[in-house]
Amino acid sequence: MDPATEGGFRVTAQDLPVWTLKIAAEPMVVLADLLCDANPIHLDPHAVAAAGLGDRVINQGPANVGYILNMLTNAFPEHRVARLESRYLANVRAGDDVEAGGTFVGGSNGQIDCSVWLRVREGAIAVAAEVTLKPRQT
């Protein structure tokens, strides 16, 4: 069996399917509560403006990584994340359309290595990451 084949899905050196979402401000309130993150840039557009960061609330970094994880789950449902190293590069704001995607870069013995990203559509890459996936245990 080819180690880059899993469940009839052939993984080759190619781009991963893109996952998209329009960012809303309301979930930021819930996530701020869950993360015990009282930073007002996630909740108050006036605080964002006062900080010189624009006029729309800024999404939490862990949520942005979560969108990448959603994309990976859709692309590789029989795998789990074994390693994730991410870098926050730009802000994601309420009202932004984001795309999570990436590229398969290698793998063996069922392991999959990917270079992944989250970007504001038609804009900057907000998160870049290197990920290793391993088959889920049954």
Protein backbone atom coordinates (compact mmCIF):
# COMPACT_ATOMS: atom_id res chain seq x y z
CA MET A 1 0.00 0.00 0.00
CA ASP A 2 1.25 3.48 -0.88
CA PRO A 3 1.82 5.36 2.42
CA ALA A 4 0.33 8.51 0.92
CA THR A 5 -3.00 6.75 0.24
CA GLU A 6 -5.62 6.68 2.97
CA GLY A 7 -9.19 5.43 2.62
CA GLY A 8 -9.16 5.63 -1.17
CA PHE A 9 -7.98 9.25 -1.12
CA ARG A 10 -4.69 9.75 -2.96
CA VAL A 11 -2.53 12.51 -1.52
CA THR A 12 -0.02 13.99 -3.96
CA ALA A 13 2.18 17.09 -3.95
CA GLN A 14 -0.71 19.45 -4.52
CA ASP A 15 -2.76 22.21 -3.03
CA LEU A 16 -5.29 21.23 -0.38
CA PRO A 17 -8.98 22.10 -0.79
CA VAL A 18 -9.68 25.66 0.40
CA TRP A 19 -12.06 26.20 3.34
CA THR A 20 -13.81 29.60 3.56
CA LEU A 21 -15.68 31.63 6.17
CA LYS A 22 -17.01 35.16 6.66
CA ILE A 23 -15.87 36.42 10.07
CA ALA A 24 -18.59 37.72 12.39
CA ALA A 25 -18.07 39.82 15.52
CA GLU A 26 -20.56 37.96 17.74
CA PRO A 27 -18.53 34.73 18.17
CA MET A 28 -15.57 36.83 19.32
CA VAL A 29 -17.54 37.76 22.45
CA VAL A 30 -18.09 34.09 23.32
CA LEU A 31 -14.48 33.18 22.57
CA ALA A 32 -13.16 36.09 24.64
CA ASP A 33 -15.18 34.71 27.54
CA LEU A 34 -13.93 31.13 27.01
CA LEU A 35 -10.31 32.27 26.71
CA CYS A 36 -10.59 34.72 29.63
CA ASP A 37 -9.32 37.28 27.12
CA ALA A 38 -10.48 40.74 28.16
CA ASN A 39 -8.48 42.52 25.44
CA PRO A 40 -10.96 45.12 24.12
CA ILE A 41 -9.71 44.86 20.52
CA HIS A 42 -11.82 41.69 20.27
CA LEU A 43 -14.97 43.38 21.57
CA ASP A 44 -15.00 47.14 21.01
CA PRO A 45 -14.41 48.88 17.66
CA HIS A 46 -13.59 52.10 19.56
CA ALA A 47 -10.74 50.31 21.36
CA VAL A 48 -9.48 49.05 17.99
CA ALA A 49 -9.50 52.60 16.61
CA ALA A 50 -7.83 54.00 19.74
CA ALA A 51 -5.04 51.46 19.29
CA GLY A 52 -4.58 52.58 15.68
CA LEU A 53 -5.63 49.18 14.32
CA GLY A 54 -8.59 50.18 12.16
CA ASP A 55 -12.28 50.32 12.93
CA ARG A 56 -13.39 46.67 13.14
CA VAL A 57 -12.90 44.23 16.03
CA ILE A 58 -10.01 41.79 15.63
CA ASN A 59 -10.50 38.03 15.77
CA GLN A 60 -8.63 35.98 18.36
CA GLY A 61 -5.56 34.13 17.11
CA PRO A 62 -6.70 30.70 18.38
CA ALA A 63 -9.91 31.06 16.35
CA ASN A 64 -7.84 31.71 13.25
CA VAL A 65 -5.82 28.54 13.85
CA GLY A 66 -9.14 26.73 14.36
CA TYR A 67 -10.18 27.60 10.80
CA ILE A 68 -7.01 25.91 9.54
CA LEU A 69 -7.90 22.86 11.64
CA ASN A 70 -11.38 22.82 10.06
CA MET A 71 -9.78 22.77 6.61
CA LEU A 72 -7.47 19.92 7.60
CA THR A 73 -10.34 17.91 9.10
CA ASN A 74 -12.28 18.28 5.86
CA ALA A 75 -9.27 17.35 3.72
CA PHE A 76 -8.06 14.44 5.89
CA PRO A 77 -10.98 13.10 7.99
CA GLU A 78 -9.13 9.88 8.86
CA HIS A 79 -6.19 11.78 10.38
CA ARG A 80 -5.49 13.80 13.52
CA VAL A 81 -3.07 16.64 14.17
CA ALA A 82 0.15 15.34 15.72
CA ARG A 83 2.17 18.57 15.39
CA LEU A 84 1.31 22.17 14.60
CA GLU A 85 3.72 25.10 14.55
CA SER A 86 2.03 28.38 13.68
CA ARG A 87 2.94 32.02 13.26
CA TYR A 88 0.51 34.93 13.46
CA LEU A 89 1.32 37.34 10.65
CA ALA A 90 -1.67 39.67 10.23
CA ASN A 91 -5.01 40.51 11.80
CA VAL A 92 -8.38 39.06 10.83
CA ARG A 93 -11.29 41.43 11.42
CA ALA A 94 -15.06 41.18 11.66
CA GLY A 95 -16.47 41.26 8.15
CA ASP A 96 -13.40 39.69 6.53
CA ASP A 97 -13.74 36.70 4.23
CA VAL A 98 -11.01 34.21 5.05
CA GLU A 99 -9.63 31.19 3.23
CA ALA A 100 -7.75 28.32 4.86
CA GLY A 101 -5.63 26.19 2.58
CA GLY A 102 -2.24 24.71 2.12
CA THR A 103 -0.02 22.28 0.32
CA PHE A 104 0.86 18.65 0.93
CA VAL A 105 4.66 18.59 1.31
CA GLY A 106 5.41 14.96 2.16
CA GLY A 107 4.68 11.97 4.29
CA SER A 108 5.29 8.29 4.91
CA ASN A 109 3.74 5.41 6.83
CA GLY A 110 0.37 7.16 6.83
CA GLN A 111 1.84 10.42 8.16
CA ILE A 112 1.01 13.58 6.20
CA ASP A 113 3.07 16.78 6.34
CA CYS A 114 1.52 20.03 5.13
CA SER A 115 2.36 23.69 4.90
CA VAL A 116 -0.90 25.53 5.64
CA TRP A 117 -2.19 29.09 5.90
CA LEU A 118 -5.14 31.31 6.66
CA ARG A 119 -5.47 34.44 4.60
CA VAL A 120 -7.91 37.26 4.28
CA ARG A 121 -9.40 36.76 0.83
CA GLU A 122 -7.57 38.96 -1.65
CA GLY A 123 -5.26 40.02 1.17
CA ALA A 124 -2.50 39.13 3.56
CA ILE A 125 -1.69 35.75 5.05
CA ALA A 126 -2.85 35.98 8.66
CA VAL A 127 -1.51 32.63 9.92
CA ALA A 128 1.14 30.34 8.45
CA ALA A 129 1.79 26.89 9.89
CA GLU A 130 3.55 23.58 9.41
CA VAL A 131 1.44 20.57 10.34
CA THR A 132 1.98 16.84 10.72
CA LEU A 133 -1.07 14.58 10.62
CA LYS A 134 -1.19 10.93 11.68
CA PRO A 135 -3.90 8.32 11.14
CA ARG A 136 -6.60 8.26 13.80
CA GLN A 137 -6.55 5.20 16.03
CA THR A 138 -9.65 3.04 15.61
